[in-house]
Amino acid sequence: MKTYVLSFDLNEDYDQSEIFETLNSLGELKQALSYTWFLRSDQTAKEIRDQLAKRMAPDERVVVMRSSSPAAWRNLMCDNKWVLENLSNK
């Protein structure tokens, strides 16, 4: 599995529950910041983006990036141990 960093610009006027249901179906999901998530998945970045795009409003944005080392962070919302174990190219 690969770890991806996903960042969103979501429109609060739309129901976003389908976006997060889709995210959860794609692999192991951890919230890093308000609109930034880590996702462990066997899918490619393009496949992840395409799945999410089906659930997003036309004016919403997402970027999907494969994680790599080195990385640095402060006060993430998810467990620091999980990030240390999963946010590197293994």
PDB file of N, CA and C in Angstrom:
ATOM      1  N   MET A   1       0.839  -1.193   0.000  1.00  0.00           N
ATOM      2  CA  MET A   1       0.000   0.000   0.000  1.00  0.00           C
ATOM      3  C   MET A   1       0.874   1.242   0.000  1.00  0.00           C
ATOM      4  N   LYS A   2       0.358   2.287  -0.615  1.00  0.00           N
ATOM      5  CA  LYS A   2       1.037   3.576  -0.645  1.00  0.00           C
ATOM      6  C   LYS A   2       0.264   4.558   0.221  1.00  0.00           C
ATOM      7  N   THR A   3       0.973   5.555   0.728  1.00  0.00           N
ATOM      8  CA  THR A   3       0.322   6.602   1.508  1.00  0.00           C
ATOM      9  C   THR A   3       0.247   7.860   0.667  1.00  0.00           C
ATOM     10  N   TYR A   4      -0.933   8.471   0.660  1.00  0.00           N
ATOM     11  CA  TYR A   4      -1.178   9.695  -0.080  1.00  0.00           C
ATOM     12  C   TYR A   4      -1.581  10.805   0.877  1.00  0.00           C
ATOM     13  N   VAL A   5      -1.281  12.044   0.468  1.00  0.00           N
ATOM     14  CA  VAL A   5      -1.745  13.229   1.164  1.00  0.00           C
ATOM     15  C   VAL A   5      -2.803  13.854   0.269  1.00  0.00           C
ATOM     16  N   LEU A   6      -3.996  14.072   0.816  1.00  0.00           N
ATOM     17  CA  LEU A   6      -5.093  14.662   0.071  1.00  0.00           C
ATOM     18  C   LEU A   6      -5.474  15.972   0.732  1.00  0.00           C
ATOM     19  N   SER A   7      -5.628  16.999  -0.067  1.00  0.00           N
ATOM     20  CA  SER A   7      -6.037  18.298   0.449  1.00  0.00           C
ATOM     21  C   SER A   7      -7.229  18.786  -0.367  1.00  0.00           C
ATOM     22  N   PHE A   8      -8.215  19.335   0.313  1.00  0.00           N
ATOM     23  CA  PHE A   8      -9.470  19.727  -0.307  1.00  0.00           C
ATOM     24  C   PHE A   8      -9.772  21.212  -0.123  1.00  0.00           C
ATOM     25  N   ASP A   9     -10.467  21.779  -1.090  1.00  0.00           N
ATOM     26  CA  ASP A   9     -11.218  23.026  -0.958  1.00  0.00           C
ATOM     27  C   ASP A   9     -12.658  22.629  -1.223  1.00  0.00           C
ATOM     28  N   LEU A  10     -13.459  22.558  -0.171  1.00  0.00           N
ATOM     29  CA  LEU A  10     -14.837  22.098  -0.305  1.00  0.00           C
ATOM     30  C   LEU A  10     -15.805  23.241  -0.071  1.00  0.00           C
ATOM     31  N   ASN A  11     -16.890  23.220  -0.799  1.00  0.00           N
ATOM     32  CA  ASN A  11     -17.931  24.226  -0.707  1.00  0.00           C
ATOM     33  C   ASN A  11     -18.895  23.804   0.398  1.00  0.00           C
ATOM     34  N   GLU A  12     -19.027  24.614   1.410  1.00  0.00           N
ATOM     35  CA  GLU A  12     -19.866  24.258   2.552  1.00  0.00           C
ATOM     36  C   GLU A  12     -21.351  24.224   2.215  1.00  0.00           C
ATOM     37  N   ASP A  13     -21.734  24.710   1.038  1.00  0.00           N
ATOM     38  CA  ASP A  13     -23.140  24.699   0.636  1.00  0.00           C
ATOM     39  C   ASP A  13     -23.592  23.327   0.143  1.00  0.00           C
ATOM     40  N   TYR A  14     -22.650  22.398  -0.075  1.00  0.00           N
ATOM     41  CA  TYR A  14     -22.983  21.074  -0.595  1.00  0.00           C
ATOM     42  C   TYR A  14     -22.807  20.015   0.497  1.00  0.00           C
ATOM     43  N   ASP A  15     -23.589  18.948   0.388  1.00  0.00           N
ATOM     44  CA  ASP A  15     -23.460  17.811   1.295  1.00  0.00           C
ATOM     45  C   ASP A  15     -22.176  17.070   0.940  1.00  0.00           C
ATOM     46  N   GLN A  16     -21.266  16.950   1.888  1.00  0.00           N
ATOM     47  CA  GLN A  16     -19.966  16.334   1.642  1.00  0.00           C
ATOM     48  C   GLN A  16     -19.885  14.895   2.154  1.00  0.00           C
ATOM     49  N   SER A  17     -20.986  14.360   2.631  1.00  0.00           N
ATOM     50  CA  SER A  17     -20.945  13.018   3.213  1.00  0.00           C
ATOM     51  C   SER A  17     -20.515  11.967   2.191  1.00  0.00           C
ATOM     52  N   GLU A  18     -20.922  12.094   0.927  1.00  0.00           N
ATOM     53  CA  GLU A  18     -20.536  11.115  -0.089  1.00  0.00           C
ATOM     54  C   GLU A  18     -19.032  11.148  -0.367  1.00  0.00           C
ATOM     55  N   ILE A  19     -18.436  12.325  -0.280  1.00  0.00           N
ATOM     56  CA  ILE A  19     -16.988  12.438  -0.472  1.00  0.00           C
ATOM     57  C   ILE A  19     -16.273  11.612   0.594  1.00  0.00           C
ATOM     58  N   PHE A  20     -16.691  11.752   1.836  1.00  0.00           N
ATOM     59  CA  PHE A  20     -16.005  11.064   2.923  1.00  0.00           C
ATOM     60  C   PHE A  20     -16.360   9.579   2.985  1.00  0.00           C
ATOM     61  N   GLU A  21     -17.538   9.215   2.529  1.00  0.00           N
ATOM     62  CA  GLU A  21     -17.852   7.786   2.395  1.00  0.00           C
ATOM     63  C   GLU A  21     -16.929   7.154   1.349  1.00  0.00           C
ATOM     64  N   THR A  22     -16.719   7.864   0.243  1.00  0.00           N
ATOM     65  CA  THR A  22     -15.823   7.376  -0.811  1.00  0.00           C
ATOM     66  C   THR A  22     -14.396   7.274  -0.280  1.00  0.00           C
ATOM     67  N   LEU A  23     -13.930   8.300   0.420  1.00  0.00           N
ATOM     68  CA  LEU A  23     -12.590   8.268   1.002  1.00  0.00           C
ATOM     69  C   LEU A  23     -12.403   7.040   1.880  1.00  0.00           C
ATOM     70  N   ASN A  24     -13.357   6.792   2.743  1.00  0.00           N
ATOM     71  CA  ASN A  24     -13.261   5.642   3.653  1.00  0.00           C
ATOM     72  C   ASN A  24     -13.249   4.323   2.900  1.00  0.00           C
ATOM     73  N   SER A  25     -13.875   4.273   1.733  1.00  0.00           N
ATOM     74  CA  SER A  25     -13.914   3.027   0.966  1.00  0.00           C
ATOM     75  C   SER A  25     -12.610   2.769   0.208  1.00  0.00           C
ATOM     76  N   LEU A  26     -11.745   3.777   0.101  1.00  0.00           N
ATOM     77  CA  LEU A  26     -10.521   3.663  -0.697  1.00  0.00           C
ATOM     78  C   LEU A  26      -9.339   3.094   0.071  1.00  0.00           C
ATOM     79  N   GLY A  27      -9.425   3.019   1.400  1.00  0.00           N
ATOM     80  CA  GLY A  27      -8.314   2.497   2.190  1.00  0.00           C
ATOM     81  C   GLY A  27      -8.354   3.025   3.608  1.00  0.00           C
ATOM     82  N   GLU A  28      -7.214   2.982   4.265  1.00  0.00           N
ATOM     83  CA  GLU A  28      -7.102   3.460   5.650  1.00  0.00           C
ATOM     84  C   GLU A  28      -6.948   4.975   5.636  1.00  0.00           C
ATOM     85  N   LEU A  29      -7.840   5.660   6.315  1.00  0.00           N
ATOM     86  CA  LEU A  29      -7.930   7.114   6.262  1.00  0.00           C
ATOM     87  C   LEU A  29      -7.647   7.722   7.631  1.00  0.00           C
ATOM     88  N   LYS A  30      -6.809   8.770   7.646  1.00  0.00           N
ATOM     89  CA  LYS A  30      -6.512   9.516   8.875  1.00  0.00           C
ATOM     90  C   LYS A  30      -6.591  11.000   8.569  1.00  0.00           C
ATOM     91  N   GLN A  31      -7.307  11.740   9.392  1.00  0.00           N
ATOM     92  CA  GLN A  31      -7.399  13.182   9.201  1.00  0.00           C
ATOM     93  C   GLN A  31      -6.173  13.851   9.794  1.00  0.00           C
ATOM     94  N   ALA A  32      -5.512  14.684   8.976  1.00  0.00           N
ATOM     95  CA  ALA A  32      -4.311  15.389   9.416  1.00  0.00           C
ATOM     96  C   ALA A  32      -4.640  16.806   9.878  1.00  0.00           C
ATOM     97  N   LEU A  33      -5.398  17.533   9.060  1.00  0.00           N
ATOM     98  CA  LEU A  33      -5.817  18.902   9.340  1.00  0.00           C
ATOM     99  C   LEU A  33      -7.280  19.034   8.919  1.00  0.00           C
ATOM    100  N   SER A  34      -7.868  20.196   9.051  1.00  0.00           N
ATOM    101  CA  SER A  34      -9.292  20.356   8.768  1.00  0.00           C
ATOM    102  C   SER A  34      -9.705  19.798   7.414  1.00  0.00           C
ATOM    103  N   TYR A  35      -8.969  20.102   6.372  1.00  0.00           N
ATOM    104  CA  TYR A  35      -9.290  19.604   5.030  1.00  0.00           C
ATOM    105  C   TYR A  35      -8.098  18.896   4.385  1.00  0.00           C
ATOM    106  N   THR A  36      -7.290  18.250   5.215  1.00  0.00           N
ATOM    107  CA  THR A  36      -6.147  17.475   4.727  1.00  0.00           C
ATOM    108  C   THR A  36      -6.182  16.101   5.383  1.00  0.00           C
ATOM    109  N   TRP A  37      -6.009  15.072   4.548  1.00  0.00           N
ATOM    110  CA  TRP A  37      -6.122  13.693   5.008  1.00  0.00           C
ATOM    111  C   TRP A  37      -4.945  12.883   4.514  1.00  0.00           C
ATOM    112  N   PHE A  38      -4.613  11.823   5.262  1.00  0.00           N
ATOM    113  CA  PHE A  38      -3.670  10.800   4.809  1.00  0.00           C
ATOM    114  C   PHE A  38      -4.494   9.577   4.443  1.00  0.00           C
ATOM    115  N   LEU A  39      -4.142   8.943   3.337  1.00  0.00           N
ATOM    116  CA  LEU A  39      -4.865   7.767   2.879  1.00  0.00           C
ATOM    117  C   LEU A  39      -3.877   6.687   2.479  1.00  0.00           C
ATOM    118  N   ARG A  40      -4.002   5.497   3.078  1.00  0.00           N
ATOM    119  CA  ARG A  40      -3.224   4.322   2.677  1.00  0.00           C
ATOM    120  C   ARG A  40      -4.101   3.539   1.714  1.00  0.00           C
ATOM    121  N   SER A  41      -3.617   3.346   0.484  1.00  0.00           N
ATOM    122  CA  SER A  41      -4.442   2.712  -0.536  1.00  0.00           C
ATOM    123  C   SER A  41      -3.576   1.979  -1.551  1.00  0.00           C
ATOM    124  N   ASP A  42      -4.163   0.986  -2.194  1.00  0.00           N
ATOM    125  CA  ASP A  42      -3.508   0.295  -3.298  1.00  0.00           C
ATOM    126  C   ASP A  42      -3.759   1.005  -4.630  1.00  0.00           C
ATOM    127  N   GLN A  43      -4.650   1.973  -4.649  1.00  0.00           N
ATOM    128  CA  GLN A  43      -4.975   2.681  -5.878  1.00  0.00           C
ATOM    129  C   GLN A  43      -3.932   3.751  -6.198  1.00  0.00           C
ATOM    130  N   THR A  44      -3.934   4.211  -7.448  1.00  0.00           N
ATOM    131  CA  THR A  44      -3.040   5.290  -7.855  1.00  0.00           C
ATOM    132  C   THR A  44      -3.654   6.633  -7.474  1.00  0.00           C
ATOM    133  N   ALA A  45      -2.845   7.676  -7.513  1.00  0.00           N
ATOM    134  CA  ALA A  45      -3.341   9.026  -7.227  1.00  0.00           C
ATOM    135  C   ALA A  45      -4.459   9.400  -8.201  1.00  0.00           C
ATOM    136  N   LYS A  46      -4.287   9.080  -9.456  1.00  0.00           N
ATOM    137  CA  LYS A  46      -5.303   9.395 -10.470  1.00  0.00           C
ATOM    138  C   LYS A  46      -6.610   8.643 -10.185  1.00  0.00           C
ATOM    139  N   GLU A  47      -6.515   7.380  -9.825  1.00  0.00           N
ATOM    140  CA  GLU A  47      -7.720   6.603  -9.504  1.00  0.00           C
ATOM    141  C   GLU A  47      -8.444   7.190  -8.293  1.00  0.00           C
ATOM    142  N   ILE A  48      -7.690   7.602  -7.293  1.00  0.00           N
ATOM    143  CA  ILE A  48      -8.283   8.211  -6.103  1.00  0.00           C
ATOM    144  C   ILE A  48      -8.972   9.518  -6.482  1.00  0.00           C
ATOM    145  N   ARG A  49      -8.270  10.360  -7.222  1.00  0.00           N
ATOM    146  CA  ARG A  49      -8.850  11.627  -7.661  1.00  0.00           C
ATOM    147  C   ARG A  49     -10.136  11.409  -8.440  1.00  0.00           C
ATOM    148  N   ASP A  50     -10.120  10.468  -9.362  1.00  0.00           N
ATOM    149  CA  ASP A  50     -11.288  10.219 -10.204  1.00  0.00           C
ATOM    150  C   ASP A  50     -12.481   9.722  -9.389  1.00  0.00           C
ATOM    151  N   GLN A  51     -12.234   8.867  -8.404  1.00  0.00           N
ATOM    152  CA  GLN A  51     -13.318   8.396  -7.538  1.00  0.00           C
ATOM    153  C   GLN A  51     -13.934   9.548  -6.747  1.00  0.00           C
ATOM    154  N   LEU A  52     -13.071  10.420  -6.224  1.00  0.00           N
ATOM    155  CA  LEU A  52     -13.565  11.555  -5.440  1.00  0.00           C
ATOM    156  C   LEU A  52     -14.294  12.563  -6.316  1.00  0.00           C
ATOM    157  N   ALA A  53     -13.785  12.796  -7.519  1.00  0.00           N
ATOM    158  CA  ALA A  53     -14.372  13.786  -8.425  1.00  0.00           C
ATOM    159  C   ALA A  53     -15.832  13.469  -8.732  1.00  0.00           C
ATOM    160  N   LYS A  54     -16.178  12.195  -8.754  1.00  0.00           N
ATOM    161  CA  LYS A  54     -17.563  11.792  -9.014  1.00  0.00           C
ATOM    162  C   LYS A  54     -18.512  12.292  -7.927  1.00  0.00           C
ATOM    163  N   ARG A  55     -17.987  12.559  -6.750  1.00  0.00           N
ATOM    164  CA  ARG A  55     -18.805  12.948  -5.595  1.00  0.00           C
ATOM    165  C   ARG A  55     -18.698  14.438  -5.258  1.00  0.00           C
ATOM    166  N   MET A  56     -17.868  15.167  -5.996  1.00  0.00           N
ATOM    167  CA  MET A  56     -17.601  16.560  -5.654  1.00  0.00           C
ATOM    168  C   MET A  56     -18.427  17.515  -6.510  1.00  0.00           C
ATOM    169  N   ALA A  57     -18.749  18.656  -5.924  1.00  0.00           N
ATOM    170  CA  ALA A  57     -19.428  19.721  -6.663  1.00  0.00           C
ATOM    171  C   ALA A  57     -18.459  20.315  -7.685  1.00  0.00           C
ATOM    172  N   PRO A  58     -18.988  20.914  -8.758  1.00  0.00           N
ATOM    173  CA  PRO A  58     -18.113  21.438  -9.822  1.00  0.00           C
ATOM    174  C   PRO A  58     -17.063  22.450  -9.354  1.00  0.00           C
ATOM    175  N   ASP A  59     -17.353  23.210  -8.303  1.00  0.00           N
ATOM    176  CA  ASP A  59     -16.410  24.235  -7.847  1.00  0.00           C
ATOM    177  C   ASP A  59     -15.497  23.762  -6.718  1.00  0.00           C
ATOM    178  N   GLU A  60     -15.570  22.484  -6.350  1.00  0.00           N
ATOM    179  CA  GLU A  60     -14.709  21.955  -5.293  1.00  0.00           C
ATOM    180  C   GLU A  60     -13.402  21.434  -5.889  1.00  0.00           C
ATOM    181  N   ARG A  61     -12.344  21.441  -5.054  1.00  0.00           N
ATOM    182  CA  ARG A  61     -11.000  21.062  -5.510  1.00  0.00           C
ATOM    183  C   ARG A  61     -10.406  19.997  -4.610  1.00  0.00           C
ATOM    184  N   VAL A  62      -9.524  19.183  -5.212  1.00  0.00           N
ATOM    185  CA  VAL A  62      -8.770  18.202  -4.445  1.00  0.00           C
ATOM    186  C   VAL A  62      -7.412  18.019  -5.101  1.00  0.00           C
ATOM    187  N   VAL A  63      -6.396  17.794  -4.289  1.00  0.00           N
ATOM    188  CA  VAL A  63      -5.078  17.387  -4.782  1.00  0.00           C
ATOM    189  C   VAL A  63      -4.729  16.090  -4.055  1.00  0.00           C
ATOM    190  N   VAL A  64      -4.210  15.134  -4.807  1.00  0.00           N
ATOM    191  CA  VAL A  64      -3.812  13.830  -4.265  1.00  0.00           C
ATOM    192  C   VAL A  64      -2.331  13.647  -4.578  1.00  0.00           C
ATOM    193  N   MET A  65      -1.496  13.539  -3.544  1.00  0.00           N
ATOM    194  CA  MET A  65      -0.045  13.411  -3.721  1.00  0.00           C
ATOM    195  C   MET A  65       0.457  12.206  -2.957  1.00  0.00           C
ATOM    196  N   ARG A  66       1.332  11.457  -3.574  1.00  0.00           N
ATOM    197  CA  ARG A  66       1.983  10.340  -2.870  1.00  0.00           C
ATOM    198  C   ARG A  66       2.961  10.922  -1.861  1.00  0.00           C
ATOM    199  N   SER A  67       2.973  10.385  -0.674  1.00  0.00           N
ATOM    200  CA  SER A  67       3.871  10.886   0.365  1.00  0.00           C
ATOM    201  C   SER A  67       5.288  10.389   0.137  1.00  0.00           C
ATOM    202  N   SER A  68       6.217  11.128   0.674  1.00  0.00           N
ATOM    203  CA  SER A  68       7.622  10.728   0.604  1.00  0.00           C
ATOM    204  C   SER A  68       8.367  11.367   1.766  1.00  0.00           C
ATOM    205  N   SER A  69       9.556  10.893   2.007  1.00  0.00           N
ATOM    206  CA  SER A  69      10.402  11.455   3.061  1.00  0.00           C
ATOM    207  C   SER A  69      11.338  12.468   2.441  1.00  0.00           C
ATOM    208  N   PRO A  70      11.853  13.407   3.145  1.00  0.00           N
ATOM    209  CA  PRO A  70      11.531  13.727   4.533  1.00  0.00           C
ATOM    210  C   PRO A  70      10.217  14.506   4.638  1.00  0.00           C
ATOM    211  N   ALA A  71       9.648  14.470   5.806  1.00  0.00           N
ATOM    212  CA  ALA A  71       8.429  15.209   6.093  1.00  0.00           C
ATOM    213  C   ALA A  71       8.540  15.791   7.493  1.00  0.00           C
ATOM    214  N   ALA A  72       7.824  16.856   7.731  1.00  0.00           N
ATOM    215  CA  ALA A  72       7.800  17.473   9.056  1.00  0.00           C
ATOM    216  C   ALA A  72       6.384  17.968   9.311  1.00  0.00           C
ATOM    217  N   TRP A  73       5.967  17.976  10.568  1.00  0.00           N
ATOM    218  CA  TRP A  73       4.627  18.404  10.904  1.00  0.00           C
ATOM    219  C   TRP A  73       4.580  18.840  12.343  1.00  0.00           C
ATOM    220  N   ARG A  74       3.462  19.467  12.697  1.00  0.00           N
ATOM    221  CA  ARG A  74       3.246  19.920  14.073  1.00  0.00           C
ATOM    222  C   ARG A  74       1.754  19.858  14.373  1.00  0.00           C
ATOM    223  N   ASN A  75       1.407  19.234  15.462  1.00  0.00           N
ATOM    224  CA  ASN A  75       0.035  19.209  15.976  1.00  0.00           C
ATOM    225  C   ASN A  75      -0.993  18.672  14.986  1.00  0.00           C
ATOM    226  N   LEU A  76      -0.722  17.532  14.403  1.00  0.00           N
ATOM    227  CA  LEU A  76      -1.707  16.928  13.513  1.00  0.00           C
ATOM    228  C   LEU A  76      -2.891  16.402  14.313  1.00  0.00           C
ATOM    229  N   MET A  77      -4.006  16.229  13.638  1.00  0.00           N
ATOM    230  CA  MET A  77      -5.205  15.720  14.288  1.00  0.00           C
ATOM    231  C   MET A  77      -5.137  14.207  14.520  1.00  0.00           C
ATOM    232  N   CYS A  78      -4.349  13.504  13.722  1.00  0.00           N
ATOM    233  CA  CYS A  78      -4.261  12.051  13.864  1.00  0.00           C
ATOM    234  C   CYS A  78      -3.052  11.662  14.714  1.00  0.00           C
ATOM    235  N   ASP A  79      -2.985  10.386  15.014  1.00  0.00           N
ATOM    236  CA  ASP A  79      -1.952   9.832  15.877  1.00  0.00           C
ATOM    237  C   ASP A  79      -0.555   9.980  15.262  1.00  0.00           C
ATOM    238  N   ASN A  80       0.362  10.561  15.998  1.00  0.00           N
ATOM    239  CA  ASN A  80       1.725  10.790  15.527  1.00  0.00           C
ATOM    240  C   ASN A  80       2.439   9.487  15.166  1.00  0.00           C
ATOM    241  N   LYS A  81       2.199   8.419  15.938  1.00  0.00           N
ATOM    242  CA  LYS A  81       2.835   7.137  15.659  1.00  0.00           C
ATOM    243  C   LYS A  81       2.421   6.624  14.283  1.00  0.00           C
ATOM    244  N   TRP A  82       1.138   6.735  13.951  1.00  0.00           N
ATOM    245  CA  TRP A  82       0.652   6.293  12.636  1.00  0.00           C
ATOM    246  C   TRP A  82       1.363   7.070  11.529  1.00  0.00           C
ATOM    247  N   VAL A  83       1.516   8.368  11.716  1.00  0.00           N
ATOM    248  CA  VAL A  83       2.170   9.209  10.697  1.00  0.00           C
ATOM    249  C   VAL A  83       3.628   8.761  10.525  1.00  0.00           C
ATOM    250  N   LEU A  84       4.332   8.565  11.616  1.00  0.00           N
ATOM    251  CA  LEU A  84       5.722   8.125  11.524  1.00  0.00           C
ATOM    252  C   LEU A  84       5.854   6.794  10.798  1.00  0.00           C
ATOM    253  N   GLU A  85       4.916   5.895  11.021  1.00  0.00           N
ATOM    254  CA  GLU A  85       4.978   4.564  10.402  1.00  0.00           C
ATOM    255  C   GLU A  85       4.531   4.561   8.942  1.00  0.00           C
ATOM    256  N   ASN A  86       3.736   5.539   8.506  1.00  0.00           N
ATOM    257  CA  ASN A  86       3.094   5.466   7.201  1.00  0.00           C
ATOM    258  C   ASN A  86       3.401   6.590   6.233  1.00  0.00           C
ATOM    259  N   LEU A  87       4.084   7.627   6.665  1.00  0.00           N
ATOM    260  CA  LEU A  87       4.281   8.784   5.793  1.00  0.00           C
ATOM    261  C   LEU A  87       5.652   8.772   5.115  1.00  0.00           C
ATOM    262  N   SER A  88       6.188   7.609   4.917  1.00  0.00           N
ATOM    263  CA  SER A  88       7.475   7.513   4.213  1.00  0.00           C
ATOM    264  C   SER A  88       7.375   6.510   3.083  1.00  0.00           C
ATOM    265  N   ASN A  89       8.270   6.594   2.133  1.00  0.00           N
ATOM    266  CA  ASN A  89       8.307   5.618   1.035  1.00  0.00           C
ATOM    267  C   ASN A  89       8.896   4.325   1.553  1.00  0.00           C
ATOM    268  N   LYS A  90       8.071   3.323   1.677  1.00  0.00           N
ATOM    269  CA  LYS A  90       8.540   2.027   2.154  1.00  0.00           C
ATOM    270  C   LYS A  90       8.440   1.036   1.030  1.00  0.00           C
TER     271      LYS A  90
END
